[in-house]
Each structure stands twice: as structure tokens, then as C-alpha cells.
């Protein structure tokens, strides 16, 4: 996670689901700092109009009290590796602080080593939602191809991102554009990393939960906060099935 800025719903709802499934959970930040989610999604008028539901806010409070959150690991520690985990989960969030993990060269290097191990029937897995998909798509192999070059995925639809940005620009400026006004959409950023976007990029503009699963890799993706619970459910099932197959 970034030190600050992830979406609380996309972080806390899966966390509680994983905890209920009796997963052993660790948080990982750049230097071991305790992460905080985006305050605008948790308090004030921005929360009431645009942010987390009361249920998600309560989930976040439970997560904040958990000992795992209070003692994160550091991805920059000497010898640190993702190999100790069976699952990597990347939450989203549009606050600019999330660029800390999206743009991290160290995270990219660690992912280059980890991602091939998610190829089925391997027992490693990755799940990502919204901007979290960018962490994976922006990670490239030595040949310049993205880890998602041949993978099926979804992410935050440009229609959703554009509506949020233009609908709040007068009051919140470029808050809903993680890389600033005029930057390309998350959808465009992900699609340009795919070998054949027409076949690999899956999208729904409906409000019902929507999650995409790749056939060749233990990789799941979601679009935005309403997908978080379903993504967590499918991730739990995928991890359990991968464990049986290995």
C-alpha cells in the first residue's frame, strides 16, 4: 500500500473478508509506515456525497484497530520478497498519494519475480481493483511488455472516472485525476499495455458488482468500490482452489 490515499472500501472490505476466511494478513508499505486511507472518502461532506458507506467506514475502523495494520512490512527492506505470500492484493484509490506504489521501481521489480508464479496451476495469486490494476499493468518485463500484456483484465472505466472528475472539478479541482488534469484515464493507461485490448479488456458500465478472472493466471480484477466485496469473495475461492491444485 501507499502511505496515504487508498480507497477505504477497496481496502477494508476485502481485508475483513480475508480475515473472516482466516487468511494470515500482512500490510506492506515502502518503509513500514502505517498506511492511512483517503480521508475525503471517510469524513465530511465528501464522504456523505461521494465516499464510503457507513458499513465501509465501520470496516475501515476495524481494520485500523488490527495489529497487522499497526505493524506493516517494508518493501524496501534488504532481502524482502513477495514470495512469502500466496496472494498479493492491490487496492485502488484516486488520491495522488497512491502513485507511491503505482510508480515504485522496487514494487515493479518484486512483481516481475512474483507474477510468473501465478500462472496456473501455480499456487500464487494476484487481485487488484480500480487504480490497483495500474500497479500490475505498469510493471514491465525486460522486453518492455507489461505483466498484463497477454492477460484479461478490467479496471476503472473512463466513463466513471470522467463523470467523477467533471462533476466535482469546480469544488475539488483535479482530485479525481491521480496524475493531474489532462492525464489519460486509468482505462486508457491499462488498455495500451495489453496485446489486444478488444479481446482482453472487459468492462461493464452497470452498477452491479463486476469482476474479471483470467483463464491462464490466478489473477482477478475489479473496477471500483461496489466491486470490492465480490472481488474479495472470488479471490478467497481462487486462493483456496490454487492451494488444492499445487
Protein backbone atom coordinates (compact mmCIF):
# COMPACT_ATOMS: atom_id res chain seq x y z
CA UNK A 1 0.00 0.00 0.00
CA UNK A 2 0.91 3.63 -0.35
CA UNK A 3 1.41 5.52 2.91
CA UNK A 4 -1.73 7.53 2.18
CA UNK A 5 -4.62 7.70 -0.23
CA UNK A 6 -6.11 4.29 -0.92
CA UNK A 7 -9.86 3.96 -1.11
CA UNK A 8 -11.19 2.71 2.25
CA UNK A 9 -13.89 0.48 0.74
CA UNK A 10 -11.49 -1.18 -1.68
CA UNK A 11 -9.07 -1.77 1.20
CA UNK A 12 -11.13 -2.55 4.30
CA UNK A 13 -13.96 -4.61 2.81
CA UNK A 14 -11.56 -7.19 1.30
CA UNK A 15 -9.45 -7.07 4.47
CA UNK A 16 -12.38 -8.14 6.65
CA UNK A 17 -13.36 -10.83 4.15
CA UNK A 18 -9.81 -12.22 4.13
CA UNK A 19 -9.72 -12.11 7.92
CA UNK A 20 -13.04 -13.96 8.16
CA UNK A 21 -11.58 -16.54 5.78
CA UNK A 22 -8.73 -16.96 8.28
CA UNK A 23 -6.05 -15.72 5.92
CA UNK A 24 -2.80 -14.62 7.51
CA UNK A 25 -2.61 -10.95 6.52
CA UNK A 26 0.33 -8.58 6.25
CA UNK A 27 0.37 -4.96 5.11
CA UNK A 28 3.38 -3.78 3.14
CA UNK A 29 4.38 -0.15 2.64
CA UNK A 30 7.53 1.46 1.31
CA UNK A 31 9.30 1.98 4.64
CA UNK A 32 6.99 0.20 7.07
CA UNK A 33 4.88 3.27 7.83
CA UNK A 34 1.32 2.59 8.97
CA UNK A 35 -0.88 3.39 5.96
CA UNK A 36 -3.94 5.62 6.05
CA UNK A 37 -6.77 5.61 3.54
CA UNK A 38 -8.15 8.69 1.82
CA UNK A 39 -9.75 10.94 4.46
CA UNK A 40 -12.06 12.57 1.91
CA UNK A 41 -13.78 9.21 1.49
CA UNK A 42 -14.21 8.84 5.26
CA UNK A 43 -15.24 12.21 6.69
CA UNK A 44 -17.09 15.41 5.91
CA UNK A 45 -19.36 16.26 3.02
CA UNK A 46 -17.13 14.43 0.57
CA UNK A 47 -17.79 11.20 2.42
CA UNK A 48 -21.52 11.79 2.58
CA UNK A 49 -21.86 12.62 -1.12
CA UNK A 50 -19.02 10.71 -2.76
CA UNK A 51 -17.31 8.46 -0.28
CA UNK A 52 -17.56 5.23 1.66
CA UNK A 53 -20.82 3.92 3.02
CA UNK A 54 -21.31 3.72 6.77
CA UNK A 55 -20.72 -0.03 6.53
CA UNK A 56 -17.41 0.55 4.74
CA UNK A 57 -16.41 3.22 7.28
CA UNK A 58 -17.06 0.73 10.06
CA UNK A 59 -14.98 -1.87 8.22
CA UNK A 60 -12.17 0.66 7.99
CA UNK A 61 -12.28 1.34 11.72
CA UNK A 62 -11.99 -2.39 12.40
CA UNK A 63 -9.04 -2.59 10.04
CA UNK A 64 -7.33 0.35 11.74
CA UNK A 65 -7.54 -1.46 15.06
CA UNK A 66 -5.99 -4.65 13.71
CA UNK A 67 -2.45 -5.45 14.77
CA UNK A 68 -1.48 -6.31 11.18
CA UNK A 69 -2.11 -2.73 10.06
CA UNK A 70 -0.18 -1.35 13.00
CA UNK A 71 3.00 -3.25 12.10
CA UNK A 72 3.46 -3.17 8.31
CA UNK A 73 6.37 -4.74 6.50
CA UNK A 74 8.64 -2.65 4.27
CA UNK A 75 9.07 -3.43 0.60
CA UNK A 76 12.45 -1.67 0.63
CA UNK A 77 13.97 -3.84 3.36
CA UNK A 78 17.05 -5.77 2.24
CA UNK A 79 16.03 -9.27 1.24
CA UNK A 80 12.30 -8.52 1.16
CA UNK A 81 10.38 -10.67 -1.33
CA UNK A 82 6.76 -11.21 -2.29
CA UNK A 83 7.48 -14.94 -2.34
CA UNK A 84 6.44 -15.29 1.29
CA UNK A 85 2.85 -14.56 0.23
CA UNK A 86 0.36 -16.71 -1.64
CA UNK A 87 -1.76 -13.67 -2.53
CA UNK A 88 -1.00 -10.06 -3.37
CA UNK A 89 -3.95 -7.68 -3.17
CA UNK A 90 -3.70 -4.17 -4.62
CA UNK A 91 -6.48 -1.77 -3.55
CA UNK A 92 -7.28 1.31 -5.58
CA UNK A 93 -7.87 4.94 -4.78
CA UNK A 94 -7.63 8.10 -6.88
CA UNK A 95 -5.88 10.33 -4.33
CA UNK A 96 -2.45 11.27 -5.67
CA UNK A 97 -0.65 9.52 -2.82
CA UNK A 98 -1.33 6.12 -4.41
CA UNK A 99 1.29 6.94 -7.03
CA UNK A 100 3.84 5.90 -4.40
CA UNK A 101 3.05 2.25 -5.07
CA UNK A 102 1.97 2.51 -8.72
CA UNK A 103 5.28 4.12 -9.72
CA UNK A 104 7.60 2.22 -7.38
CA UNK A 105 10.53 0.67 -9.21
CA UNK A 106 11.08 -1.65 -6.25
CA UNK A 107 7.49 -2.92 -6.33
CA UNK A 108 7.83 -3.42 -10.08
CA UNK A 109 10.98 -5.47 -9.62
CA UNK A 110 9.34 -7.62 -6.97
CA UNK A 111 6.30 -8.15 -9.19
CA UNK A 112 8.41 -9.21 -12.17
CA UNK A 113 9.66 -12.05 -9.99
CA UNK A 114 6.27 -12.91 -8.49
CA UNK A 115 3.83 -12.69 -11.38
CA UNK A 116 5.05 -15.72 -13.42
CA UNK A 117 4.33 -17.85 -10.36
CA UNK A 118 0.62 -17.03 -10.66
CA UNK A 119 0.42 -18.97 -13.93
CA UNK A 120 -1.95 -21.87 -13.44
CA UNK A 121 -1.69 -24.41 -11.87
CA UNK A 122 0.62 -22.41 -9.59
CA UNK A 123 -0.42 -21.54 -6.04
CA UNK A 124 0.35 -17.80 -6.15
CA UNK A 125 -2.35 -15.23 -6.92
CA UNK A 126 -2.91 -11.51 -7.52
CA UNK A 127 -6.08 -9.46 -7.19
CA UNK A 128 -6.40 -5.75 -7.95
CA UNK A 129 -9.16 -3.18 -8.11
CA UNK A 130 -9.51 0.24 -9.73
CA UNK A 131 -6.13 2.05 -9.69
CA UNK A 132 -4.60 -1.04 -8.10
CA UNK A 133 -4.62 -2.61 -11.57
CA UNK A 134 -2.11 0.05 -12.63
CA UNK A 135 0.47 -1.39 -10.23
CA UNK A 136 0.44 -4.57 -12.30
CA UNK A 137 -0.05 -3.06 -15.75
CA UNK A 138 2.75 -0.53 -15.27
CA UNK A 139 5.20 -3.28 -14.32
CA UNK A 140 7.19 -4.26 -17.39
CA UNK A 141 9.47 -7.14 -18.31
CA UNK A 142 12.96 -6.63 -19.79
CA UNK A 143 11.41 -6.73 -23.28
CA UNK A 144 9.21 -3.73 -22.37
CA UNK A 145 5.96 -5.69 -22.28
CA UNK A 146 3.61 -5.27 -19.35
CA UNK A 147 2.86 -8.14 -17.00
CA UNK A 148 -0.70 -7.81 -18.32
CA UNK A 149 0.38 -7.92 -21.96
CA UNK A 150 -1.44 -11.22 -22.55
CA UNK A 151 -3.84 -11.16 -19.60
CA UNK A 152 -7.58 -10.46 -19.38
CA UNK A 153 -8.45 -7.60 -17.03
CA UNK A 154 -10.78 -4.80 -16.10
CA UNK A 155 -10.13 -1.53 -14.27
CA UNK A 156 -11.85 1.78 -13.53
CA UNK A 157 -13.90 2.66 -16.64
CA UNK A 158 -13.04 6.01 -18.21
CA UNK A 159 -16.75 6.91 -18.13
CA UNK A 160 -16.81 6.57 -14.35
CA UNK A 161 -13.56 8.47 -13.91
CA UNK A 162 -14.62 11.27 -16.24
CA UNK A 163 -18.01 11.69 -14.59
CA UNK A 164 -16.41 11.95 -11.14
CA UNK A 165 -13.78 14.41 -12.34
CA UNK A 166 -16.00 16.77 -14.31
CA UNK A 167 -18.79 16.56 -11.74
CA UNK A 168 -16.53 17.71 -8.89
CA UNK A 169 -13.90 19.81 -10.69
CA UNK A 170 -15.39 23.11 -9.52
CA UNK A 171 -15.13 22.07 -5.86
CA UNK A 172 -12.30 19.55 -5.78
CA UNK A 173 -10.08 20.56 -8.69
CA UNK A 174 -8.22 17.60 -10.19
CA UNK A 175 -8.77 15.39 -7.13
CA UNK A 176 -10.25 12.61 -9.27
CA UNK A 177 -7.28 12.63 -11.68
CA UNK A 178 -4.46 10.80 -9.94
CA UNK A 179 -1.83 12.11 -12.36
CA UNK A 180 -3.35 15.57 -12.68
CA UNK A 181 -5.74 17.36 -15.02
CA UNK A 182 -5.19 16.37 -18.62
CA UNK A 183 -3.65 12.99 -17.82
CA UNK A 184 -5.00 9.93 -19.57
CA UNK A 185 -7.68 7.82 -17.93
CA UNK A 186 -6.89 4.69 -15.94
CA UNK A 187 -8.71 2.66 -18.57
CA UNK A 188 -6.52 4.09 -21.35
CA UNK A 189 -3.37 3.50 -19.31
CA UNK A 190 -4.25 -0.15 -18.81
CA UNK A 191 -5.55 -0.84 -22.33
CA UNK A 192 -2.40 0.43 -24.03
CA UNK A 193 -0.44 -2.20 -22.09
CA UNK A 194 -2.50 -5.08 -23.49
CA UNK A 195 -1.62 -7.07 -26.58
CA UNK A 196 -5.20 -6.99 -27.90
CA UNK A 197 -7.39 -4.61 -25.86
CA UNK A 198 -10.53 -5.52 -27.83
CA UNK A 199 -10.25 -9.11 -26.61
CA UNK A 200 -8.50 -8.68 -23.27
CA UNK A 201 -10.17 -5.63 -21.72
CA UNK A 202 -13.51 -6.42 -20.11
CA UNK A 203 -15.83 -3.72 -18.87
CA UNK A 204 -19.30 -3.14 -17.53
CA UNK A 205 -20.89 0.26 -17.04
CA UNK A 206 -23.59 -1.18 -14.81
CA UNK A 207 -23.75 -0.72 -11.06
CA UNK A 208 -23.94 -4.43 -10.21
CA UNK A 209 -20.68 -5.95 -8.93
CA UNK A 210 -18.40 -6.96 -11.79
CA UNK A 211 -15.16 -8.95 -11.52
CA UNK A 212 -12.91 -10.37 -14.24
CA UNK A 213 -10.88 -13.57 -13.91
CA UNK A 214 -8.07 -14.53 -16.28
CA UNK A 215 -8.02 -18.10 -17.59
CA UNK A 216 -4.25 -18.63 -17.60
CA UNK A 217 -3.16 -16.81 -14.45
CA UNK A 218 -4.52 -16.64 -10.92
CA UNK A 219 -5.39 -13.00 -11.49
CA UNK A 220 -8.63 -11.18 -10.66
CA UNK A 221 -9.59 -7.56 -11.20
CA UNK A 222 -12.41 -5.18 -10.31
CA UNK A 223 -13.48 -1.68 -11.33
CA UNK A 224 -14.46 0.42 -8.29
CA UNK A 225 -15.72 0.22 -4.67
CA UNK A 226 -19.04 -1.58 -5.36
CA UNK A 227 -16.99 -4.49 -6.76
CA UNK A 228 -14.88 -4.90 -3.60
CA UNK A 229 -16.99 -7.50 -1.78
CA UNK A 230 -17.41 -9.73 -4.82
CA UNK A 231 -13.74 -9.40 -5.69
CA UNK A 232 -12.82 -10.49 -2.17
CA UNK A 233 -15.19 -13.46 -2.34
CA UNK A 234 -13.81 -14.63 -5.68
CA UNK A 235 -10.26 -14.07 -4.51
CA UNK A 236 -10.78 -16.27 -1.46
CA UNK A 237 -12.17 -19.03 -3.67
CA UNK A 238 -9.31 -18.66 -6.16
CA UNK A 239 -6.64 -18.87 -3.45
CA UNK A 240 -8.24 -21.96 -1.95
CA UNK A 241 -8.53 -23.65 -5.34
CA UNK A 242 -4.93 -22.74 -6.22
CA UNK A 243 -3.82 -24.30 -2.95
CA UNK A 244 -5.55 -27.56 -3.83
CA UNK A 245 -4.04 -27.64 -7.32
CA UNK A 246 -0.43 -27.08 -6.22
